[in-house]
């Protein structure tokens, strides 16, 4: 049975009044074949439907901390779509790793009363076809790291595979154009700048993510404590909030580990001592910098040199060099995605011709001073 035949039969068998047209012989044979366990191969992409099983994940917009303006607009769009019995418009969620993009997509699906199917880009055309057998009109297709859609080796791994789904309810197959469920595509990306313009334009709502404040993080800690039925003191919550770098996923990890080690220390609550031990175990500084980020800054400092032309010291190195410094020689993407963003945000490093350069803010953070001027033998002024 072709994809289009399957979709036609599915629609034929559904009637809002409960009436079903008598099934003909051909339809009966096709349905029998379709029921065979070998008839529909499972997609290779990991797919999930419904909300996350993580007990710390919020399940509604009311529980989702922060992003006040975004939530207000989403509520209006969701209410409007439900009143008109239409699917939601396509949405792009662009923010750093662990900021709650996937969780928000699942919440949107729950608020709409539909299923959320998640895949990791690049998603192949054949996987999208297989998903079409499972999805219904109005369901949400979440494409994580959607900026990687054009990076697959297969020629079908590109944004154009999604254009028909997003605009015309069809997908191009080897047998021609086939009808597709009228779904909402939510793209999640950590690098919006890598999306091609035609792909970007197909997302009709591209809300900016606001930075999470320490107050937001404090609230998340306390909500997590309630979820896990664990008492968390204010001191411990503030320690976690400060070290979380405004990332919900990070703070969830802190709380889960605190809950796991609390009994081992003979404590009945997550207090300042437990919070400090958690940061020590995670090798995270009080201000949230990770071990890798500290190694990066210290490694850049070790490469300082006197620049005769500008009569000043500078600490500069290429991205490839810094990848070696952090033991990520074969994975510069990890350096760019996981190590550098927070360093850029805090103005600890800057991009210069030839690589990255340490800023005065980083020198102050490291608690070091520049060597004496080699010409005047005096301190750098």
Protein backbone atom coordinates (compact mmCIF):
# COMPACT_ATOMS: atom_id res chain seq x y z
CA UNK A 1 0.00 0.00 0.00
CA UNK A 2 1.35 3.40 -0.92
CA UNK A 3 1.61 6.26 1.53
CA UNK A 4 -1.19 8.15 -0.23
CA UNK A 5 -3.47 5.09 -0.20
CA UNK A 6 -2.86 4.66 3.50
CA UNK A 7 -3.73 8.27 4.20
CA UNK A 8 -6.86 8.07 2.04
CA UNK A 9 -8.08 4.95 3.83
CA UNK A 10 -7.35 6.46 7.22
CA UNK A 11 -9.42 9.54 6.43
CA UNK A 12 -12.18 7.41 4.90
CA UNK A 13 -12.50 5.40 8.10
CA UNK A 14 -12.93 8.43 10.34
CA UNK A 15 -16.19 10.31 10.62
CA UNK A 16 -17.12 12.82 13.32
CA UNK A 17 -20.59 11.27 13.60
CA UNK A 18 -19.23 7.76 14.04
CA UNK A 19 -20.40 6.58 10.62
CA UNK A 20 -18.03 4.38 8.66
CA UNK A 21 -18.55 3.61 5.02
CA UNK A 22 -18.76 -0.14 4.36
CA UNK A 23 -15.32 -1.41 3.42
CA UNK A 24 -14.88 -2.82 -0.05
CA UNK A 25 -12.94 -5.97 -0.91
CA UNK A 26 -9.85 -4.08 -2.08
CA UNK A 27 -9.82 -1.94 1.05
CA UNK A 28 -10.22 -5.04 3.20
CA UNK A 29 -7.23 -6.72 1.53
CA UNK A 30 -5.14 -3.57 1.84
CA UNK A 31 -6.01 -3.20 5.51
CA UNK A 32 -5.11 -6.83 6.15
CA UNK A 33 -1.75 -6.33 4.51
CA UNK A 34 -1.20 -3.14 6.46
CA UNK A 35 -1.77 -5.01 9.73
CA UNK A 36 1.21 -7.28 9.07
CA UNK A 37 4.09 -6.51 11.48
CA UNK A 38 6.60 -6.54 8.62
CA UNK A 39 4.61 -4.18 6.42
CA UNK A 40 5.60 -0.94 8.16
CA UNK A 41 9.32 -0.72 9.03
CA UNK A 42 10.18 1.47 12.00
CA UNK A 43 12.11 4.69 11.25
CA UNK A 44 15.74 4.80 12.23
CA UNK A 45 15.28 8.17 13.91
CA UNK A 46 14.36 8.17 17.58
CA UNK A 47 10.75 9.24 17.88
CA UNK A 48 8.77 10.17 20.95
CA UNK A 49 5.12 11.05 21.32
CA UNK A 50 3.69 12.91 24.28
CA UNK A 51 5.35 14.59 27.21
CA UNK A 52 8.75 13.83 28.65
CA UNK A 53 8.92 11.26 31.45
CA UNK A 54 11.36 13.45 33.39
CA UNK A 55 9.54 14.32 36.62
CA UNK A 56 11.29 17.70 36.72
CA UNK A 57 9.99 18.79 33.32
CA UNK A 58 7.09 21.28 33.45
CA UNK A 59 3.90 20.04 31.82
CA UNK A 60 2.10 23.32 31.11
CA UNK A 61 2.79 26.93 30.23
CA UNK A 62 1.84 27.90 33.78
CA UNK A 63 4.62 25.66 35.15
CA UNK A 64 7.17 26.82 32.58
CA UNK A 65 9.29 29.41 34.39
CA UNK A 66 10.38 32.61 32.63
CA UNK A 67 9.79 33.62 28.99
CA UNK A 68 6.79 35.74 30.00
CA UNK A 69 6.22 37.49 26.66
CA UNK A 70 6.71 34.31 24.65
CA UNK A 71 4.20 32.43 26.79
CA UNK A 72 1.66 35.23 26.43
CA UNK A 73 1.86 35.09 22.65
CA UNK A 74 1.82 31.30 22.58
CA UNK A 75 -1.34 31.25 24.68
CA UNK A 76 -3.06 33.59 22.22
CA UNK A 77 -2.02 31.49 19.22
CA UNK A 78 -2.97 28.22 20.90
CA UNK A 79 -6.37 29.53 21.95
CA UNK A 80 -6.99 30.90 18.47
CA UNK A 81 -6.00 27.67 16.75
CA UNK A 82 -8.17 25.58 19.03
CA UNK A 83 -11.21 27.83 18.56
CA UNK A 84 -10.85 27.58 14.78
CA UNK A 85 -10.02 23.86 14.96
CA UNK A 86 -6.83 24.45 12.99
CA UNK A 87 -3.27 23.39 13.48
CA UNK A 88 -0.79 25.78 15.05
CA UNK A 89 1.54 27.77 12.81
CA UNK A 90 5.13 26.57 12.35
CA UNK A 91 7.45 27.76 15.14
CA UNK A 92 11.22 28.14 15.45
CA UNK A 93 12.73 27.92 18.93
CA UNK A 94 16.31 29.20 18.91
CA UNK A 95 18.31 29.15 22.14
CA UNK A 96 21.34 27.56 23.75
CA UNK A 97 21.53 23.94 24.80
CA UNK A 98 19.48 23.08 27.86
CA UNK A 99 17.30 26.20 27.70
CA UNK A 100 14.03 24.26 27.47
CA UNK A 101 13.27 24.24 23.74
CA UNK A 102 12.20 20.60 23.51
CA UNK A 103 10.26 20.84 26.75
CA UNK A 104 8.41 23.89 25.44
CA UNK A 105 7.51 22.07 22.22
CA UNK A 106 6.07 19.19 24.24
CA UNK A 107 4.10 21.66 26.36
CA UNK A 108 2.70 23.32 23.24
CA UNK A 109 1.50 19.92 22.04
CA UNK A 110 -0.13 19.23 25.41
CA UNK A 111 -1.84 22.64 25.40
CA UNK A 112 -3.12 21.93 21.88
CA UNK A 113 -4.28 18.45 22.88
CA UNK A 114 -2.17 16.73 20.22
CA UNK A 115 0.84 14.41 20.06
CA UNK A 116 4.45 15.58 19.72
CA UNK A 117 6.83 13.48 17.63
CA UNK A 118 10.52 14.35 18.06
CA UNK A 119 13.31 13.60 15.60
CA UNK A 120 16.94 14.65 15.41
CA UNK A 121 18.17 16.47 12.30
CA UNK A 122 19.13 15.54 9.70
CA UNK A 123 15.93 13.53 9.37
CA UNK A 124 15.70 11.44 6.21
CA UNK A 125 12.80 11.59 3.79
CA UNK A 126 11.97 7.92 4.36
CA UNK A 127 11.74 8.55 8.11
CA UNK A 128 9.37 11.43 7.46
CA UNK A 129 7.25 9.14 5.28
CA UNK A 130 7.12 6.57 8.08
CA UNK A 131 6.11 9.30 10.51
CA UNK A 132 3.25 10.21 8.21
CA UNK A 133 1.66 6.84 8.92
CA UNK A 134 1.61 7.66 12.65
CA UNK A 135 0.76 11.34 12.74
CA UNK A 136 -2.66 12.97 12.53
CA UNK A 137 -3.72 16.42 11.43
CA UNK A 138 -2.71 18.97 14.05
CA UNK A 139 0.10 16.89 15.57
CA UNK A 140 3.49 18.47 16.16
CA UNK A 141 6.71 17.39 14.49
CA UNK A 142 9.68 18.57 16.56
CA UNK A 143 12.95 18.69 14.63
CA UNK A 144 15.82 19.08 17.08
CA UNK A 145 18.95 20.88 15.88
CA UNK A 146 17.10 21.67 12.66
CA UNK A 147 20.04 23.72 11.37
CA UNK A 148 21.73 20.37 10.67
CA UNK A 149 19.03 19.29 8.23
CA UNK A 150 21.25 20.05 5.22
CA UNK A 151 24.28 18.23 6.68
CA UNK A 152 23.23 14.65 6.00
CA UNK A 153 25.10 12.55 3.45
CA UNK A 154 21.86 11.38 1.83
CA UNK A 155 20.59 13.66 -0.92
CA UNK A 156 17.17 13.54 0.68
CA UNK A 157 18.53 15.07 3.89
CA UNK A 158 17.84 18.69 3.13
CA UNK A 159 15.39 21.41 4.00
CA UNK A 160 13.44 21.05 0.78
CA UNK A 161 12.11 17.70 1.95
CA UNK A 162 10.26 19.65 4.65
CA UNK A 163 8.99 22.49 2.46
CA UNK A 164 6.10 20.50 1.05
CA UNK A 165 5.10 19.25 4.50
CA UNK A 166 5.16 22.77 5.90
CA UNK A 167 3.39 24.53 3.05
CA UNK A 168 1.35 22.09 1.01
CA UNK A 169 0.63 18.98 3.11
CA UNK A 170 2.59 16.76 0.73
CA UNK A 171 5.90 14.96 0.49
CA UNK A 172 7.84 14.00 -2.60
CA UNK A 173 8.47 10.25 -2.79
CA UNK A 174 9.97 7.94 -5.40
CA UNK A 175 6.39 7.28 -6.56
CA UNK A 176 5.61 10.99 -6.85
CA UNK A 177 3.93 13.55 -4.64
CA UNK A 178 1.91 12.09 -1.76
CA UNK A 179 -0.48 13.68 0.69
CA UNK A 180 0.83 14.31 4.21
CA UNK A 181 -0.96 15.05 7.50
CA UNK A 182 -1.47 18.73 8.22
CA UNK A 183 1.08 18.99 11.02
CA UNK A 184 2.86 21.81 12.82
CA UNK A 185 6.63 21.79 12.47
CA UNK A 186 8.56 23.14 15.45
CA UNK A 187 12.25 23.60 14.77
CA UNK A 188 14.68 23.71 17.69
CA UNK A 189 18.15 25.06 17.07
CA UNK A 190 21.19 26.21 18.99
CA UNK A 191 22.44 28.18 15.96
CA UNK A 192 19.75 30.07 14.09
CA UNK A 193 22.37 31.67 11.84
CA UNK A 194 23.03 28.34 10.13
CA UNK A 195 19.47 28.01 8.81
CA UNK A 196 19.07 28.78 5.13
CA UNK A 197 16.83 31.75 4.47
CA UNK A 198 14.03 29.83 2.63
CA UNK A 199 13.85 27.37 5.53
CA UNK A 200 13.87 30.15 8.10
CA UNK A 201 11.04 31.99 6.34
CA UNK A 202 8.72 29.01 6.60
CA UNK A 203 8.62 29.36 10.38
CA UNK A 204 5.93 31.98 11.00
CA UNK A 205 6.73 32.55 14.67
CA UNK A 206 10.32 32.93 15.80
CA UNK A 207 10.17 34.09 19.42
CA UNK A 208 13.34 35.37 21.09
CA UNK A 209 14.36 33.50 24.24
CA UNK A 210 14.92 35.82 27.18
CA UNK A 211 17.82 35.19 29.54
CA UNK A 212 16.81 33.32 32.67
CA UNK A 213 17.52 35.35 35.80
CA UNK A 214 18.81 34.00 39.10
CA UNK A 215 15.30 34.53 40.46
CA UNK A 216 13.95 32.30 37.67
CA UNK A 217 16.53 29.65 38.53
CA UNK A 218 15.69 29.91 42.23
CA UNK A 219 12.04 29.31 41.40
CA UNK A 220 12.94 26.26 39.30
CA UNK A 221 15.01 24.82 42.15
CA UNK A 222 12.11 25.14 44.56
CA UNK A 223 9.66 23.64 42.06
CA UNK A 224 12.04 20.73 41.53
CA UNK A 225 12.23 20.19 45.26
CA UNK A 226 8.44 20.02 45.41
CA UNK A 227 8.38 17.53 42.52
CA UNK A 228 10.95 15.27 44.20
CA UNK A 229 9.48 15.88 47.67
CA UNK A 230 12.86 17.10 48.89
CA UNK A 231 13.38 20.01 51.26
CA UNK A 232 15.80 22.57 49.79
CA UNK A 233 17.02 25.48 51.90
CA UNK A 234 17.17 29.00 50.49
CA UNK A 235 20.97 29.04 50.80
CA UNK A 236 21.30 25.87 48.72
CA UNK A 237 18.81 27.16 46.14
CA UNK A 238 20.76 30.40 45.72
CA UNK A 239 24.02 28.46 45.27
CA UNK A 240 22.45 26.34 42.53
CA UNK A 241 20.80 29.36 40.91
CA UNK A 242 24.08 31.27 40.70
CA UNK A 243 26.00 28.31 39.30
CA UNK A 244 23.35 27.30 36.77
CA UNK A 245 24.37 29.93 34.16
CA UNK A 246 20.67 30.46 33.50
CA UNK A 247 20.21 26.96 32.08
CA UNK A 248 17.26 24.89 33.35
CA UNK A 249 18.85 21.59 32.32
CA UNK A 250 21.92 22.36 34.41
CA UNK A 251 19.94 23.24 37.50
CA UNK A 252 17.77 20.13 37.11
CA UNK A 253 20.95 18.08 37.17
CA UNK A 254 22.12 19.81 40.34
CA UNK A 255 18.87 19.05 42.14
CA UNK A 256 18.74 15.43 40.98
CA UNK A 257 22.31 14.82 42.18
CA UNK A 258 21.62 16.57 45.48
CA UNK A 259 18.65 14.28 46.04
CA UNK A 260 20.85 11.27 45.26
CA UNK A 261 23.75 12.13 47.61
CA UNK A 262 21.85 13.77 50.46
CA UNK A 263 21.22 10.53 52.39
CA UNK A 264 24.83 9.45 51.95
CA UNK A 265 25.94 12.47 53.96
CA UNK A 266 23.35 11.83 56.63
CA UNK A 267 21.38 14.98 55.75
CA UNK A 268 17.61 15.26 55.73
CA UNK A 269 17.52 18.31 53.45
CA UNK A 270 19.48 19.86 50.62
CA UNK A 271 21.42 22.53 52.46
CA UNK A 272 24.44 24.73 51.75
CA UNK A 273 26.85 21.87 52.47
CA UNK A 274 25.11 19.49 50.04
CA UNK A 275 24.90 22.19 47.36
CA UNK A 276 28.62 22.88 47.67
CA UNK A 277 29.42 19.16 47.43
CA UNK A 278 27.31 18.86 44.29
CA UNK A 279 29.22 21.68 42.58
CA UNK A 280 32.49 20.07 43.65
CA UNK A 281 31.41 16.71 42.22
CA UNK A 282 30.35 18.36 38.98
CA UNK A 283 33.60 20.38 38.87
CA UNK A 284 31.60 23.57 38.50
CA UNK A 285 32.78 26.93 39.89
CA UNK A 286 30.56 29.08 42.09
CA UNK A 287 29.80 31.32 39.10
CA UNK A 288 28.89 28.34 36.92
CA UNK A 289 32.04 27.98 34.82
CA UNK A 290 32.76 24.34 34.10
CA UNK A 291 36.11 22.57 34.32
CA UNK A 292 36.40 22.67 30.52
CA UNK A 293 35.75 26.41 30.47
CA UNK A 294 38.37 27.03 33.15
CA UNK A 295 40.88 24.86 31.27
CA UNK A 296 40.09 26.89 28.16
CA UNK A 297 40.70 30.24 29.87
CA UNK A 298 43.84 29.03 31.64
CA UNK A 299 45.14 27.48 28.42
CA UNK A 300 44.58 30.72 26.55
CA UNK A 301 46.38 32.64 29.29
CA UNK A 302 49.38 30.31 29.00
CA UNK A 303 49.71 31.36 25.35
CA UNK A 304 50.23 35.04 26.14
CA UNK A 305 52.94 36.87 24.26
CA UNK A 306 54.37 40.35 23.93
CA UNK A 307 53.21 42.08 20.74
CA UNK A 308 55.96 44.46 19.76
CA UNK A 309 53.89 46.32 17.16
CA UNK A 310 51.21 47.31 19.66
CA UNK A 311 53.53 47.40 22.67
CA UNK A 312 51.25 45.21 24.76
CA UNK A 313 50.70 41.69 25.97
CA UNK A 314 47.93 39.55 24.53
CA UNK A 315 46.76 35.98 24.98
CA UNK A 316 45.55 34.62 21.65
CA UNK A 317 45.24 31.21 19.96
CA UNK A 318 43.38 29.54 17.11
CA UNK A 319 40.19 27.54 17.60
CA UNK A 320 42.09 24.39 16.60
CA UNK A 321 44.68 25.07 19.29
CA UNK A 322 42.01 25.59 21.93
CA UNK A 323 40.34 22.36 20.86
CA UNK A 324 43.62 20.58 21.61
CA UNK A 325 43.93 22.39 24.93
CA UNK A 326 40.51 21.11 26.02
CA UNK A 327 41.15 17.59 24.67
CA UNK A 328 38.59 18.12 21.92
CA UNK A 329 40.99 18.06 18.97
CA UNK A 330 38.54 16.10 16.82
CA UNK A 331 35.44 17.97 17.91
CA UNK A 332 35.72 21.72 17.48
CA UNK A 333 31.92 21.83 17.38
CA UNK A 334 31.84 20.83 21.04
CA UNK A 335 34.19 23.72 21.82
CA UNK A 336 32.00 26.16 19.90
CA UNK A 337 28.68 24.85 21.20
CA UNK A 338 29.44 23.86 24.80
CA UNK A 339 32.54 25.74 25.97
CA UNK A 340 32.70 29.09 24.23
CA UNK A 341 29.12 30.49 24.33
CA UNK A 342 29.20 31.33 28.04
CA UNK A 343 32.73 32.73 27.71
CA UNK A 344 31.59 35.02 24.91
CA UNK A 345 28.47 36.00 26.84
CA UNK A 346 30.54 37.05 29.85
CA UNK A 347 33.02 38.87 27.66
CA UNK A 348 35.89 36.60 28.67
CA UNK A 349 36.98 35.94 25.08
CA UNK A 350 36.61 37.68 21.75
CA UNK A 351 37.02 36.68 18.13
CA UNK A 352 40.05 38.22 16.42
CA UNK A 353 41.91 37.45 13.18
CA UNK A 354 43.61 34.13 13.76
CA UNK A 355 41.42 32.88 16.56
CA UNK A 356 40.29 33.86 20.05
CA UNK A 357 41.73 36.41 22.44
CA UNK A 358 41.46 36.70 26.21
CA UNK A 359 39.83 39.89 27.47
CA UNK A 360 40.69 41.97 30.53
CA UNK A 361 37.52 40.63 32.19
CA UNK A 362 38.93 37.11 31.89
CA UNK A 363 42.29 38.19 33.29
CA UNK A 364 40.47 39.60 36.29
CA UNK A 365 38.36 36.45 36.60
CA UNK A 366 41.48 34.26 36.60
CA UNK A 367 43.07 36.47 39.24
CA UNK A 368 46.30 36.92 37.28
CA UNK A 369 48.33 39.91 36.10
CA UNK A 370 50.23 40.55 32.93
CA UNK A 371 54.03 40.14 33.09
CA UNK A 372 56.23 43.23 33.18
CA UNK A 373 56.81 45.13 29.96
CA UNK A 374 59.92 43.47 28.49
CA UNK A 375 61.24 46.83 27.23
CA UNK A 376 60.62 49.09 30.20
CA UNK A 377 60.68 46.31 32.80
CA UNK A 378 57.70 48.05 34.33
CA UNK A 379 54.21 46.85 34.99
CA UNK A 380 51.77 46.96 32.12
CA UNK A 381 49.82 50.14 32.25
